[in-house]
Amino acid sequence: MMELRFLGQSAFALRDGATTVLIDPFLTGNPRAAAAHDELDAQVILLSHGHADHLGDTVAIAKRTGATVVAVPELAGELAADGVADVIDANLGGTVRFDWGSVKLVPAWHTAVTAKGTPHIAAGLVVELGGTTVYHLGDTCLFSDLQLVGRDRRIDVALVPIGGHYTMDRHDAVEAVRLVGAGTVIPMHYDTFPLIETDADAFKVDVEALTESRCVVLAPGESWSP
């Protein structure tokens, strides 16, 4: 059975048996990080985009573990130039398949330029692992096409930003939950910094009152399994 561990901000570790998939591993410099980058192993690292609070420790982890990194082409090119040996440059709409499952890149509405100046498009990530479908919405505002992601598959768990300012806030996120239609929702991208502080418990109340989804609020370091 898949286990999902919240590492803080938008970082997660998805585990099924011997397979570990990291998403947006921002740990160094994250005041709420649940682990140091050298404590984590991974076979694959998935990136929604290259802002510092998402790209994070990707290069260090990938070099140490030999993990494959999946990112949009422009970001993938920067990572390859930085010495990451195994990079897959999928674009929006693309699906990358592994022996453990797959990841599909889908749209997210958000600007994206790396600290080194590489402009690129942000993505959401639909991950199939251990018989569970996880939709990491990335950094996005509310937009109606979120409802399309679950049209051809059941979304078991959606990881939804709620902090506002740089992404949708907790009120827009409730409507995003309704559009996505996931069985379980876990909030992310909040409380790491003052600009994105919000009330996750109030979000949970609204989700469970106004949608068909249940909401699980995880503190950094806590895990959840379907």
Protein backbone atom coordinates (compact mmCIF):
# COMPACT_ATOMS: atom_id res chain seq x y z
CA MET A 1 0.00 0.00 0.00
CA MET A 2 1.28 3.44 -0.88
CA GLU A 3 2.36 5.75 1.95
CA LEU A 4 2.42 9.51 1.48
CA ARG A 5 4.64 11.60 3.77
CA PHE A 6 4.34 15.38 3.92
CA LEU A 7 7.78 17.00 4.12
CA GLY A 8 6.63 20.63 4.33
CA GLN A 9 5.59 23.35 1.82
CA SER A 10 4.80 21.33 -1.34
CA ALA A 11 7.28 18.51 -0.77
CA PHE A 12 6.10 14.91 -0.45
CA ALA A 13 7.62 11.45 -0.39
CA LEU A 14 5.44 8.73 -1.94
CA ARG A 15 6.48 5.20 -1.01
CA ASP A 16 5.35 1.78 -2.18
CA GLY A 17 7.55 -1.14 -1.22
CA ALA A 18 11.11 -0.37 -2.34
CA THR A 19 10.04 2.59 -4.49
CA THR A 20 10.27 6.18 -3.25
CA VAL A 21 9.10 9.10 -5.37
CA LEU A 22 9.92 12.62 -4.18
CA ILE A 23 7.92 15.66 -5.29
CA ASP A 24 9.28 19.23 -5.10
CA PRO A 25 11.93 18.50 -2.42
CA PHE A 26 12.42 21.96 -0.90
CA LEU A 27 14.16 21.14 2.40
CA THR A 28 17.25 23.31 2.84
CA GLY A 29 16.03 26.78 3.80
CA ASN A 30 12.53 25.51 4.57
CA PRO A 31 11.72 26.45 8.19
CA ARG A 32 9.11 23.69 8.36
CA ALA A 33 11.04 20.93 6.62
CA ALA A 34 10.51 17.49 8.15
CA ALA A 35 13.87 16.10 6.96
CA ALA A 36 17.27 17.12 5.67
CA HIS A 37 18.02 16.41 2.03
CA ASP A 38 20.77 13.93 2.88
CA GLU A 39 18.32 11.82 4.90
CA LEU A 40 16.14 10.99 1.89
CA ASP A 41 16.54 8.36 -0.78
CA ALA A 42 14.59 8.31 -4.03
CA GLN A 43 14.34 6.47 -7.30
CA VAL A 44 12.50 9.36 -8.98
CA ILE A 45 12.10 13.09 -8.31
CA LEU A 46 9.13 14.89 -9.87
CA LEU A 47 9.12 18.67 -10.24
CA SER A 48 6.10 20.89 -10.71
CA HIS A 49 8.35 23.87 -11.58
CA GLY A 50 11.66 25.47 -10.78
CA HIS A 51 10.97 28.15 -8.18
CA ALA A 52 13.36 27.75 -5.26
CA ASP A 53 10.66 26.49 -2.88
CA HIS A 54 9.97 23.57 -5.26
CA LEU A 55 13.25 22.84 -7.04
CA GLY A 56 14.89 22.92 -3.62
CA ASP A 57 17.45 20.16 -3.09
CA THR A 58 16.74 18.29 -6.33
CA VAL A 59 20.27 18.48 -7.70
CA ALA A 60 21.93 17.36 -4.46
CA ILE A 61 19.51 14.45 -3.96
CA ALA A 62 19.68 13.31 -7.58
CA LYS A 63 23.48 13.36 -7.64
CA ARG A 64 23.71 11.42 -4.39
CA THR A 65 21.02 8.81 -5.13
CA GLY A 66 21.12 8.57 -8.93
CA ALA A 67 17.40 9.38 -9.02
CA THR A 68 15.68 10.09 -12.32
CA VAL A 69 14.28 13.63 -12.45
CA VAL A 70 11.14 14.44 -14.45
CA ALA A 71 10.59 18.11 -15.34
CA VAL A 72 9.37 20.26 -18.23
CA PRO A 73 12.01 20.57 -21.00
CA GLU A 74 13.47 23.98 -20.15
CA LEU A 75 13.92 23.08 -16.48
CA ALA A 76 15.19 19.61 -17.41
CA GLY A 77 17.85 21.23 -19.59
CA GLU A 78 19.07 23.37 -16.71
CA LEU A 79 19.25 20.34 -14.43
CA ALA A 80 21.24 18.37 -16.99
CA ALA A 81 23.66 21.29 -17.29
CA ASP A 82 23.99 21.24 -13.49
CA GLY A 83 25.20 17.64 -13.66
CA VAL A 84 22.05 15.62 -13.03
CA ALA A 85 22.74 12.46 -15.02
CA ASP A 86 19.23 11.08 -15.58
CA VAL A 87 16.67 13.71 -16.59
CA ILE A 88 13.42 13.14 -18.50
CA ASP A 89 12.04 16.25 -20.24
CA ALA A 90 8.30 15.62 -20.47
CA ASN A 91 6.01 18.51 -21.35
CA LEU A 92 2.38 19.26 -20.51
CA GLY A 93 0.18 16.39 -21.62
CA GLY A 94 3.08 13.95 -21.57
CA THR A 95 3.12 10.72 -19.56
CA VAL A 96 6.31 9.08 -18.35
CA ARG A 97 6.02 5.38 -17.48
CA PHE A 98 8.13 3.46 -14.99
CA ASP A 99 8.04 -0.13 -13.75
CA TRP A 100 6.29 1.16 -10.60
CA GLY A 101 3.66 3.31 -12.36
CA SER A 102 3.62 6.66 -14.14
CA VAL A 103 3.44 10.45 -13.97
CA LYS A 104 1.48 12.71 -16.30
CA LEU A 105 2.17 16.43 -16.52
CA VAL A 106 -0.95 18.60 -16.64
CA PRO A 107 -1.47 22.39 -16.71
CA ALA A 108 -1.06 24.65 -13.69
CA TRP A 109 -1.55 28.41 -13.94
CA HIS A 110 1.58 29.96 -12.40
CA THR A 111 4.60 31.93 -13.57
CA ALA A 112 7.94 30.12 -13.45
CA VAL A 113 11.56 31.24 -13.81
CA THR A 114 14.44 29.52 -12.01
CA ALA A 115 16.96 31.40 -9.88
CA LYS A 116 19.38 30.98 -12.80
CA GLY A 117 16.93 32.72 -15.13
CA THR A 118 15.41 29.81 -17.05
CA PRO A 119 11.76 30.59 -17.91
CA HIS A 120 9.43 27.61 -18.17
CA ILE A 121 5.82 26.49 -17.71
CA ALA A 122 4.58 25.20 -14.37
CA ALA A 123 2.82 21.84 -14.19
CA GLY A 124 0.60 19.71 -12.07
CA LEU A 125 1.61 16.07 -11.57
CA VAL A 126 -0.71 13.05 -11.76
CA VAL A 127 1.13 10.12 -10.21
CA GLU A 128 0.08 6.46 -10.36
CA LEU A 129 1.83 4.45 -7.63
CA GLY A 130 0.79 1.33 -5.76
CA GLY A 131 -2.70 1.35 -7.22
CA THR A 132 -3.28 4.92 -5.99
CA THR A 133 -3.67 8.05 -8.14
CA VAL A 134 -2.20 11.19 -6.56
CA TYR A 135 -2.75 14.61 -8.16
CA HIS A 136 -0.23 17.22 -7.00
CA LEU A 137 -1.74 20.48 -8.26
CA GLY A 138 1.57 22.34 -8.07
CA ASP A 139 1.42 26.09 -7.60
CA THR A 140 -1.78 27.14 -9.31
CA CYS A 141 -4.63 29.57 -9.16
CA LEU A 142 -8.19 28.38 -9.55
CA PHE A 143 -9.11 27.64 -13.17
CA SER A 144 -11.95 25.65 -14.66
CA ASP A 145 -9.84 23.07 -16.52
CA LEU A 146 -8.94 21.46 -13.20
CA GLN A 147 -12.13 19.47 -13.70
CA LEU A 148 -10.65 17.79 -16.80
CA VAL A 149 -7.88 15.99 -14.93
CA GLY A 150 -10.24 13.53 -13.30
CA ARG A 151 -12.43 12.94 -16.36
CA ASP A 152 -10.60 9.79 -17.48
CA ARG A 153 -9.34 8.55 -14.12
CA ARG A 154 -10.36 8.45 -10.48
CA ILE A 155 -8.26 10.86 -8.40
CA ASP A 156 -7.74 9.16 -5.05
CA VAL A 157 -5.92 12.02 -3.34
CA ALA A 158 -5.34 15.62 -4.38
CA LEU A 159 -2.55 17.74 -2.91
CA VAL A 160 -3.93 21.28 -3.04
CA PRO A 161 -2.21 24.64 -2.38
CA ILE A 162 -4.19 26.86 0.00
CA GLY A 163 -1.83 29.61 1.17
CA GLY A 164 -2.89 32.40 -1.17
CA HIS A 165 -0.64 35.23 -2.42
CA TYR A 166 1.42 33.01 -4.75
CA THR A 167 -1.31 30.38 -5.33
CA MET A 168 -5.03 30.00 -4.80
CA ASP A 169 -6.20 30.75 -1.26
CA ARG A 170 -8.16 28.37 0.93
CA HIS A 171 -11.51 29.68 -0.34
CA ASP A 172 -10.67 29.21 -4.02
CA ALA A 173 -9.11 25.87 -3.09
CA VAL A 174 -12.51 24.59 -1.94
CA GLU A 175 -13.86 25.19 -5.43
CA ALA A 176 -10.76 23.52 -6.87
CA VAL A 177 -11.53 20.48 -4.72
CA ARG A 178 -15.07 20.39 -6.10
CA LEU A 179 -13.73 20.52 -9.65
CA VAL A 180 -11.12 17.81 -9.13
CA GLY A 181 -13.46 15.47 -7.26
CA ALA A 182 -10.77 13.55 -5.37
CA GLY A 183 -11.71 11.10 -2.65
CA THR A 184 -9.22 12.68 -0.22
CA VAL A 185 -7.68 16.15 -0.17
CA ILE A 186 -4.47 17.18 1.61
CA PRO A 187 -3.60 20.90 1.82
CA MET A 188 -0.08 22.14 1.03
CA HIS A 189 1.85 25.36 0.31
CA TYR A 190 0.78 27.22 3.44
CA ASP A 191 2.23 28.49 6.75
CA THR A 192 5.86 28.15 5.62
CA PHE A 193 6.26 31.94 5.44
CA PRO A 194 4.11 34.83 6.76
CA LEU A 195 2.68 35.69 3.32
CA ILE A 196 1.08 32.25 2.98
CA GLU A 197 -0.22 31.73 6.49
CA THR A 198 -3.80 30.47 6.57
CA ASP A 199 -6.24 28.30 8.54
CA ALA A 200 -5.97 24.71 7.33
CA ASP A 201 -8.56 23.51 9.83
CA ALA A 202 -11.10 25.98 8.44
CA PHE A 203 -10.27 24.69 4.96
CA LYS A 204 -10.99 21.15 6.15
CA VAL A 205 -14.36 22.20 7.57
CA ASP A 206 -15.35 23.91 4.32
CA VAL A 207 -14.19 21.02 2.13
CA GLU A 208 -16.19 18.48 4.08
CA ALA A 209 -19.27 20.71 4.27
CA LEU A 210 -19.31 21.88 0.65
CA THR A 211 -17.82 19.01 -1.40
CA GLU A 212 -17.93 15.22 -1.55
CA SER A 213 -14.24 14.93 -0.58
CA ARG A 214 -12.75 14.30 2.83
CA CYS A 215 -9.82 16.41 3.99
CA VAL A 216 -6.74 15.23 5.87
CA VAL A 217 -4.49 17.93 7.35
CA LEU A 218 -0.92 16.71 7.81
CA ALA A 219 1.79 18.41 9.85
CA PRO A 220 5.26 18.24 8.27
CA GLY A 221 6.63 14.77 8.92
CA GLU A 222 3.25 13.07 9.19
CA SER A 223 2.18 10.30 6.83
CA TRP A 224 -1.10 9.10 5.32
CA SER A 225 -2.11 5.93 3.51
CA PRO A 226 -5.34 5.32 1.54
